[in-house]
Amino acid sequence: MPGRLRISNIFGQRAVPSESVPPNDVYIISVAGEGKTEEQYFDGIKTISSGNAIWIDRLEKADETDTKSHPNYVLELLEEREKYWKEFGVESNELWMVVDRDEQSVSKIQLEELIQKCHKKGYNMALSNPTFEFWLLLHITSIENYDPEKLLANPKLTKRAKKRYLETLLAELTGGYNKNKLKFDNFEPGIADAVHRAKQLPVENEKLIYELGTSICLLVEKIIP
């Protein structure tokens, strides 16, 4: 696998762990190539996580034709990084992969198989349907005032639009949203609300293949009790 997986960055610790007293808990999180938003979000979570170590690895694309954003590659990244940290004596409490439902590139069968692989390996999956932006939306507002079918479909509002529906909502509600430059301060006050709201919807990954919701709340509440 060397040379195949391209690591973007590691947040919260040096590349080689210190020999000092280990943190309270260690969470290794793997996200897809488009996961810069997730990176920045969990980097913000790190600052309020009471000493927990959060190591985030993002698998970057080599170019636009690269298919490494597929969750199967994210799983490979998680496996590689688990071995890497063990070489330095770091045993993580939990390993998580953060992925979107992404119907355009991942079939339902592929996602079902991936969930089973994670179960067998003891990995955790934080899945959002349709995208990570849905989790962010729950920080700001209840979804009761929105059409759940439209949220799930997350369409482009016009043929030429670059942003999809959820990104547009976030922009309207926060005064501007750029997924490449996430303003964590816009979302930090609503973390507890987001966890509560997410738990009113399906959080089982098997259900999230088909239904609106997110299981990211299960990861966040572990890091921030």
C-alpha atoms as a PDB file:
ATOM      1  CA  MET A   1       0.000   0.000   0.000  1.00  0.00           C
ATOM      2  CA  PRO A   2       2.938   2.465   0.373  1.00  0.00           C
ATOM      3  CA  GLY A   3       2.674   5.337  -2.095  1.00  0.00           C
ATOM      4  CA  ARG A   4      -0.940   4.591  -2.842  1.00  0.00           C
ATOM      5  CA  LEU A   5      -2.612   6.535  -0.060  1.00  0.00           C
ATOM      6  CA  ARG A   6      -1.896  10.247   0.040  1.00  0.00           C
ATOM      7  CA  ILE A   7      -2.241  11.737   3.526  1.00  0.00           C
ATOM      8  CA  SER A   8      -3.410  15.332   3.656  1.00  0.00           C
ATOM      9  CA  ASN A   9      -2.645  16.284   7.231  1.00  0.00           C
ATOM     10  CA  ILE A  10      -2.802  15.254  10.856  1.00  0.00           C
ATOM     11  CA  PHE A  11      -4.506  17.478  13.383  1.00  0.00           C
ATOM     12  CA  GLY A  12      -4.012  17.698  17.119  1.00  0.00           C
ATOM     13  CA  GLN A  13      -0.604  16.041  17.450  1.00  0.00           C
ATOM     14  CA  ARG A  14       2.817  15.861  15.852  1.00  0.00           C
ATOM     15  CA  ALA A  15       3.408  13.361  13.040  1.00  0.00           C
ATOM     16  CA  VAL A  16       5.327  11.197  15.525  1.00  0.00           C
ATOM     17  CA  PRO A  17       3.617  10.947  18.917  1.00  0.00           C
ATOM     18  CA  SER A  18       5.436  12.305  21.937  1.00  0.00           C
ATOM     19  CA  GLU A  19       6.698   9.956  24.633  1.00  0.00           C
ATOM     20  CA  SER A  20       5.012  12.091  27.271  1.00  0.00           C
ATOM     21  CA  VAL A  21       1.940  10.991  29.220  1.00  0.00           C
ATOM     22  CA  PRO A  22      -0.712   9.816  26.724  1.00  0.00           C
ATOM     23  CA  PRO A  23      -3.984  11.738  26.385  1.00  0.00           C
ATOM     24  CA  ASN A  24      -7.184  10.554  28.026  1.00  0.00           C
ATOM     25  CA  ASP A  25      -8.567   9.002  24.852  1.00  0.00           C
ATOM     26  CA  VAL A  26      -7.320   8.553  21.316  1.00  0.00           C
ATOM     27  CA  TYR A  27      -9.617   8.737  18.301  1.00  0.00           C
ATOM     28  CA  ILE A  28      -8.305   8.123  14.794  1.00  0.00           C
ATOM     29  CA  ILE A  29     -10.619   9.460  12.103  1.00  0.00           C
ATOM     30  CA  SER A  30     -10.384   8.850   8.366  1.00  0.00           C
ATOM     31  CA  VAL A  31     -12.252  11.021   5.846  1.00  0.00           C
ATOM     32  CA  ALA A  32     -12.569  11.091   2.070  1.00  0.00           C
ATOM     33  CA  GLY A  33     -10.774  13.264  -0.458  1.00  0.00           C
ATOM     34  CA  GLU A  34     -13.492  15.912  -0.413  1.00  0.00           C
ATOM     35  CA  GLY A  35     -13.412  15.888   3.373  1.00  0.00           C
ATOM     36  CA  LYS A  36     -11.738  19.225   4.006  1.00  0.00           C
ATOM     37  CA  THR A  37     -14.893  20.444   5.743  1.00  0.00           C
ATOM     38  CA  GLU A  38     -14.841  17.436   8.044  1.00  0.00           C
ATOM     39  CA  GLU A  39     -11.153  18.016   8.769  1.00  0.00           C
ATOM     40  CA  GLN A  40     -11.757  21.596   9.819  1.00  0.00           C
ATOM     41  CA  TYR A  41     -14.807  20.668  11.888  1.00  0.00           C
ATOM     42  CA  PHE A  42     -12.987  18.004  13.888  1.00  0.00           C
ATOM     43  CA  ASP A  43      -9.984  20.275  14.241  1.00  0.00           C
ATOM     44  CA  GLY A  44     -12.391  22.651  15.993  1.00  0.00           C
ATOM     45  CA  ILE A  45     -13.777  19.790  18.076  1.00  0.00           C
ATOM     46  CA  LYS A  46     -10.221  19.016  19.159  1.00  0.00           C
ATOM     47  CA  THR A  47      -9.925  22.409  20.824  1.00  0.00           C
ATOM     48  CA  ILE A  48     -12.868  21.685  23.149  1.00  0.00           C
ATOM     49  CA  SER A  49     -12.411  17.945  23.712  1.00  0.00           C
ATOM     50  CA  SER A  50     -10.891  18.007  27.233  1.00  0.00           C
ATOM     51  CA  GLY A  51      -7.532  16.450  26.364  1.00  0.00           C
ATOM     52  CA  ASN A  52      -8.696  13.753  23.970  1.00  0.00           C
ATOM     53  CA  ALA A  53      -6.350  13.200  21.029  1.00  0.00           C
ATOM     54  CA  ILE A  54      -8.001  13.373  17.633  1.00  0.00           C
ATOM     55  CA  TRP A  55      -5.890  12.343  14.666  1.00  0.00           C
ATOM     56  CA  ILE A  56      -7.519  13.035  11.330  1.00  0.00           C
ATOM     57  CA  ASP A  57      -6.260  11.642   8.045  1.00  0.00           C
ATOM     58  CA  ARG A  58      -7.763  12.868   4.803  1.00  0.00           C
ATOM     59  CA  LEU A  59      -7.151  10.932   1.607  1.00  0.00           C
ATOM     60  CA  GLU A  60      -6.448  13.506  -1.090  1.00  0.00           C
ATOM     61  CA  LYS A  61      -7.173  13.039  -4.758  1.00  0.00           C
ATOM     62  CA  ALA A  62      -4.222  13.141  -7.124  1.00  0.00           C
ATOM     63  CA  ASP A  63      -6.439  14.887  -9.688  1.00  0.00           C
ATOM     64  CA  GLU A  64     -10.068  15.083 -10.793  1.00  0.00           C
ATOM     65  CA  THR A  65      -9.904  11.628 -12.411  1.00  0.00           C
ATOM     66  CA  ASP A  66      -8.770  10.017  -9.157  1.00  0.00           C
ATOM     67  CA  THR A  67     -11.464   7.833  -7.559  1.00  0.00           C
ATOM     68  CA  LYS A  68      -9.850   7.614  -4.124  1.00  0.00           C
ATOM     69  CA  SER A  69     -12.706   9.459  -2.475  1.00  0.00           C
ATOM     70  CA  HIS A  70     -14.638   6.183  -2.593  1.00  0.00           C
ATOM     71  CA  PRO A  71     -15.297   4.921   0.965  1.00  0.00           C
ATOM     72  CA  ASN A  72     -13.399   1.693   0.244  1.00  0.00           C
ATOM     73  CA  TYR A  73     -10.218   3.759  -0.019  1.00  0.00           C
ATOM     74  CA  VAL A  74     -11.118   5.578   3.190  1.00  0.00           C
ATOM     75  CA  LEU A  75     -11.298   2.178   4.871  1.00  0.00           C
ATOM     76  CA  GLU A  76      -7.859   1.307   3.499  1.00  0.00           C
ATOM     77  CA  LEU A  77      -6.536   4.586   4.869  1.00  0.00           C
ATOM     78  CA  LEU A  78      -7.910   3.770   8.312  1.00  0.00           C
ATOM     79  CA  GLU A  79      -6.270   0.345   8.235  1.00  0.00           C
ATOM     80  CA  GLU A  80      -2.935   1.841   7.214  1.00  0.00           C
ATOM     81  CA  ARG A  81      -2.985   4.538   9.869  1.00  0.00           C
ATOM     82  CA  GLU A  82      -3.929   2.069  12.608  1.00  0.00           C
ATOM     83  CA  LYS A  83      -0.731   0.129  11.822  1.00  0.00           C
ATOM     84  CA  TYR A  84       1.263   3.369  11.632  1.00  0.00           C
ATOM     85  CA  TRP A  85       0.271   4.571  15.099  1.00  0.00           C
ATOM     86  CA  LYS A  86       0.792   1.137  16.640  1.00  0.00           C
ATOM     87  CA  GLU A  87       4.425   1.314  15.537  1.00  0.00           C
ATOM     88  CA  PHE A  88       4.771   4.249  17.953  1.00  0.00           C
ATOM     89  CA  GLY A  89       2.962   2.502  20.762  1.00  0.00           C
ATOM     90  CA  VAL A  90      -0.306   4.379  20.308  1.00  0.00           C
ATOM     91  CA  GLU A  91      -3.412   2.270  20.806  1.00  0.00           C
ATOM     92  CA  SER A  92      -6.536   4.155  19.788  1.00  0.00           C
ATOM     93  CA  ASN A  93      -9.710   3.810  21.790  1.00  0.00           C
ATOM     94  CA  GLU A  94     -11.750   3.914  18.621  1.00  0.00           C
ATOM     95  CA  LEU A  95     -11.199   4.191  14.893  1.00  0.00           C
ATOM     96  CA  TRP A  96     -13.797   5.985  12.801  1.00  0.00           C
ATOM     97  CA  MET A  97     -14.361   6.630   9.140  1.00  0.00           C
ATOM     98  CA  VAL A  98     -16.490   9.636   8.214  1.00  0.00           C
ATOM     99  CA  VAL A  99     -18.311   9.290   4.904  1.00  0.00           C
ATOM    100  CA  ASP A 100     -21.272  10.687   2.984  1.00  0.00           C
ATOM    101  CA  ARG A 101     -24.005   8.613   1.417  1.00  0.00           C
ATOM    102  CA  ASP A 102     -23.038  10.080  -1.990  1.00  0.00           C
ATOM    103  CA  GLU A 103     -25.371   8.223  -4.346  1.00  0.00           C
ATOM    104  CA  GLN A 104     -23.424   9.510  -7.342  1.00  0.00           C
ATOM    105  CA  SER A 105     -20.351   7.385  -6.616  1.00  0.00           C
ATOM    106  CA  VAL A 106     -21.344   4.710  -4.106  1.00  0.00           C
ATOM    107  CA  SER A 107     -24.047   2.109  -4.661  1.00  0.00           C
ATOM    108  CA  LYS A 108     -26.307   0.866  -1.885  1.00  0.00           C
ATOM    109  CA  ILE A 109     -24.791  -2.607  -2.181  1.00  0.00           C
ATOM    110  CA  GLN A 110     -21.254  -1.219  -1.867  1.00  0.00           C
ATOM    111  CA  LEU A 111     -22.214   0.752   1.222  1.00  0.00           C
ATOM    112  CA  GLU A 112     -23.909  -2.274   2.804  1.00  0.00           C
ATOM    113  CA  GLU A 113     -20.752  -4.319   2.214  1.00  0.00           C
ATOM    114  CA  LEU A 114     -18.591  -1.549   3.659  1.00  0.00           C
ATOM    115  CA  ILE A 115     -20.680  -1.395   6.830  1.00  0.00           C
ATOM    116  CA  GLN A 116     -20.229  -5.138   7.243  1.00  0.00           C
ATOM    117  CA  LYS A 117     -16.457  -4.824   6.763  1.00  0.00           C
ATOM    118  CA  CYS A 118     -16.326  -2.187   9.482  1.00  0.00           C
ATOM    119  CA  HIS A 119     -18.289  -4.424  11.842  1.00  0.00           C
ATOM    120  CA  LYS A 120     -15.882  -7.301  11.278  1.00  0.00           C
ATOM    121  CA  LYS A 121     -12.785  -5.149  11.796  1.00  0.00           C
ATOM    122  CA  GLY A 122     -14.169  -3.330  14.821  1.00  0.00           C
ATOM    123  CA  TYR A 123     -14.159   0.045  13.062  1.00  0.00           C
ATOM    124  CA  ASN A 124     -16.867   2.655  13.456  1.00  0.00           C
ATOM    125  CA  MET A 125     -18.570   4.538  10.641  1.00  0.00           C
ATOM    126  CA  ALA A 126     -20.056   8.020  10.914  1.00  0.00           C
ATOM    127  CA  LEU A 127     -22.380   8.177   7.925  1.00  0.00           C
ATOM    128  CA  SER A 128     -24.404  11.178   6.757  1.00  0.00           C
ATOM    129  CA  ASN A 129     -27.257  11.001   4.299  1.00  0.00           C
ATOM    130  CA  PRO A 130     -27.062  12.959   2.125  1.00  0.00           C
ATOM    131  CA  THR A 131     -23.857  14.817   3.133  1.00  0.00           C
ATOM    132  CA  PHE A 132     -21.860  16.220   6.057  1.00  0.00           C
ATOM    133  CA  GLU A 133     -23.671  19.527   5.532  1.00  0.00           C
ATOM    134  CA  PHE A 134     -26.802  17.913   6.949  1.00  0.00           C
ATOM    135  CA  TRP A 135     -24.957  17.396  10.245  1.00  0.00           C
ATOM    136  CA  LEU A 136     -23.871  21.031  10.182  1.00  0.00           C
ATOM    137  CA  LEU A 137     -27.443  22.160   9.508  1.00  0.00           C
ATOM    138  CA  LEU A 138     -28.585  20.446  12.714  1.00  0.00           C
ATOM    139  CA  HIS A 139     -26.306  22.793  14.686  1.00  0.00           C
ATOM    140  CA  ILE A 140     -28.277  25.771  13.428  1.00  0.00           C
ATOM    141  CA  THR A 141     -31.909  24.742  13.173  1.00  0.00           C
ATOM    142  CA  SER A 142     -34.486  22.022  13.525  1.00  0.00           C
ATOM    143  CA  ILE A 143     -35.454  20.413  10.230  1.00  0.00           C
ATOM    144  CA  GLU A 144     -39.173  20.540  11.045  1.00  0.00           C
ATOM    145  CA  ASN A 145     -39.563  23.640   8.877  1.00  0.00           C
ATOM    146  CA  TYR A 146     -38.033  21.972   5.817  1.00  0.00           C
ATOM    147  CA  ASP A 147     -39.171  19.348   3.351  1.00  0.00           C
ATOM    148  CA  PRO A 148     -37.325  16.141   4.380  1.00  0.00           C
ATOM    149  CA  GLU A 149     -37.498  14.780   0.844  1.00  0.00           C
ATOM    150  CA  LYS A 150     -35.789  17.871  -0.509  1.00  0.00           C
ATOM    151  CA  LEU A 151     -33.147  17.697   2.205  1.00  0.00           C
ATOM    152  CA  LEU A 152     -32.498  14.058   1.326  1.00  0.00           C
ATOM    153  CA  ALA A 153     -32.347  14.738  -2.418  1.00  0.00           C
ATOM    154  CA  ASN A 154     -30.100  17.771  -1.838  1.00  0.00           C
ATOM    155  CA  PRO A 155     -30.551  19.024  -5.400  1.00  0.00           C
ATOM    156  CA  LYS A 156     -28.797  21.786  -7.254  1.00  0.00           C
ATOM    157  CA  LEU A 157     -31.296  24.631  -7.326  1.00  0.00           C
ATOM    158  CA  THR A 158     -30.412  25.511 -10.917  1.00  0.00           C
ATOM    159  CA  LYS A 159     -28.540  23.664 -13.653  1.00  0.00           C
ATOM    160  CA  ARG A 160     -25.606  26.048 -13.407  1.00  0.00           C
ATOM    161  CA  ALA A 161     -25.494  26.206  -9.620  1.00  0.00           C
ATOM    162  CA  LYS A 162     -22.272  25.034  -7.995  1.00  0.00           C
ATOM    163  CA  LYS A 163     -23.787  24.614  -4.542  1.00  0.00           C
ATOM    164  CA  ARG A 164     -26.457  22.138  -3.616  1.00  0.00           C
ATOM    165  CA  TYR A 165     -29.506  22.798  -1.450  1.00  0.00           C
ATOM    166  CA  LEU A 166     -27.895  22.107   1.941  1.00  0.00           C
ATOM    167  CA  GLU A 167     -24.922  24.361   1.231  1.00  0.00           C
ATOM    168  CA  THR A 168     -27.326  27.110   0.166  1.00  0.00           C
ATOM    169  CA  LEU A 169     -29.310  26.743   3.396  1.00  0.00           C
ATOM    170  CA  LEU A 170     -26.154  26.947   5.483  1.00  0.00           C
ATOM    171  CA  ALA A 171     -25.072  30.057   3.614  1.00  0.00           C
ATOM    172  CA  GLU A 172     -28.424  31.722   4.294  1.00  0.00           C
ATOM    173  CA  LEU A 173     -28.525  30.727   7.964  1.00  0.00           C
ATOM    174  CA  THR A 174     -24.921  31.600   8.855  1.00  0.00           C
ATOM    175  CA  GLY A 175     -24.358  34.607   6.611  1.00  0.00           C
ATOM    176  CA  GLY A 176     -22.088  32.694   4.290  1.00  0.00           C
ATOM    177  CA  TYR A 177     -20.787  29.141   3.944  1.00  0.00           C
ATOM    178  CA  ASN A 178     -17.612  27.945   2.257  1.00  0.00           C
ATOM    179  CA  LYS A 179     -16.955  24.234   2.687  1.00  0.00           C
ATOM    180  CA  ASN A 180     -13.230  24.799   2.139  1.00  0.00           C
ATOM    181  CA  LYS A 181     -13.032  27.482   4.842  1.00  0.00           C
ATOM    182  CA  LEU A 182     -15.342  26.323   7.578  1.00  0.00           C
ATOM    183  CA  LYS A 183     -16.059  28.847  10.327  1.00  0.00           C
ATOM    184  CA  PHE A 184     -16.234  26.514  13.317  1.00  0.00           C
ATOM    185  CA  ASP A 185     -17.395  29.358  15.560  1.00  0.00           C
ATOM    186  CA  ASN A 186     -20.689  29.364  13.642  1.00  0.00           C
ATOM    187  CA  PHE A 187     -21.359  25.793  14.724  1.00  0.00           C
ATOM    188  CA  GLU A 188     -19.718  25.318  18.128  1.00  0.00           C
ATOM    189  CA  PRO A 189     -22.647  26.798  20.127  1.00  0.00           C
ATOM    190  CA  GLY A 190     -25.037  24.316  18.519  1.00  0.00           C
ATOM    191  CA  ILE A 191     -23.145  21.059  19.074  1.00  0.00           C
ATOM    192  CA  ALA A 192     -25.412  19.810  21.859  1.00  0.00           C
ATOM    193  CA  ASP A 193     -28.491  20.762  19.798  1.00  0.00           C
ATOM    194  CA  ALA A 194     -27.095  18.910  16.780  1.00  0.00           C
ATOM    195  CA  VAL A 195     -26.543  15.740  18.806  1.00  0.00           C
ATOM    196  CA  HIS A 196     -30.077  15.930  20.201  1.00  0.00           C
ATOM    197  CA  ARG A 197     -31.668  16.630  16.812  1.00  0.00           C
ATOM    198  CA  ALA A 198     -29.686  13.886  15.077  1.00  0.00           C
ATOM    199  CA  LYS A 199     -30.898  11.356  17.633  1.00  0.00           C
ATOM    200  CA  GLN A 200     -34.496  12.165  16.720  1.00  0.00           C
ATOM    201  CA  LEU A 201     -33.704  10.669  13.307  1.00  0.00           C
ATOM    202  CA  PRO A 202     -32.164   7.317  12.333  1.00  0.00           C
ATOM    203  CA  VAL A 203     -28.587   6.852  13.545  1.00  0.00           C
ATOM    204  CA  GLU A 204     -28.145   3.211  12.506  1.00  0.00           C
ATOM    205  CA  ASN A 205     -25.905   3.152   9.444  1.00  0.00           C
ATOM    206  CA  GLU A 206     -27.943   0.385   7.837  1.00  0.00           C
ATOM    207  CA  LYS A 207     -30.956   2.728   7.888  1.00  0.00           C
ATOM    208  CA  LEU A 208     -28.937   5.761   6.825  1.00  0.00           C
ATOM    209  CA  ILE A 209     -28.230   4.128   3.477  1.00  0.00           C
ATOM    210  CA  TYR A 210     -31.852   4.892   2.634  1.00  0.00           C
ATOM    211  CA  GLU A 211     -33.058   7.537   5.099  1.00  0.00           C
ATOM    212  CA  LEU A 212     -32.283  11.134   6.040  1.00  0.00           C
ATOM    213  CA  GLY A 213     -29.987  11.420   9.040  1.00  0.00           C
ATOM    214  CA  THR A 214     -26.456  11.171  10.383  1.00  0.00           C
ATOM    215  CA  SER A 215     -24.539   9.032  12.874  1.00  0.00           C
ATOM    216  CA  ILE A 216     -21.812  11.650  13.377  1.00  0.00           C
ATOM    217  CA  CYS A 217     -23.589  12.499  16.636  1.00  0.00           C
ATOM    218  CA  LEU A 218     -22.396   9.161  18.064  1.00  0.00           C
ATOM    219  CA  LEU A 219     -18.761  10.111  17.431  1.00  0.00           C
ATOM    220  CA  VAL A 220     -19.056  13.686  18.652  1.00  0.00           C
ATOM    221  CA  GLU A 221     -20.727  12.780  21.943  1.00  0.00           C
ATOM    222  CA  LYS A 222     -17.879  10.369  22.688  1.00  0.00           C
ATOM    223  CA  ILE A 223     -15.256  13.049  22.129  1.00  0.00           C
ATOM    224  CA  ILE A 224     -17.250  15.720  23.966  1.00  0.00           C
ATOM    225  CA  PRO A 225     -19.199  13.893  26.750  1.00  0.00           C
END
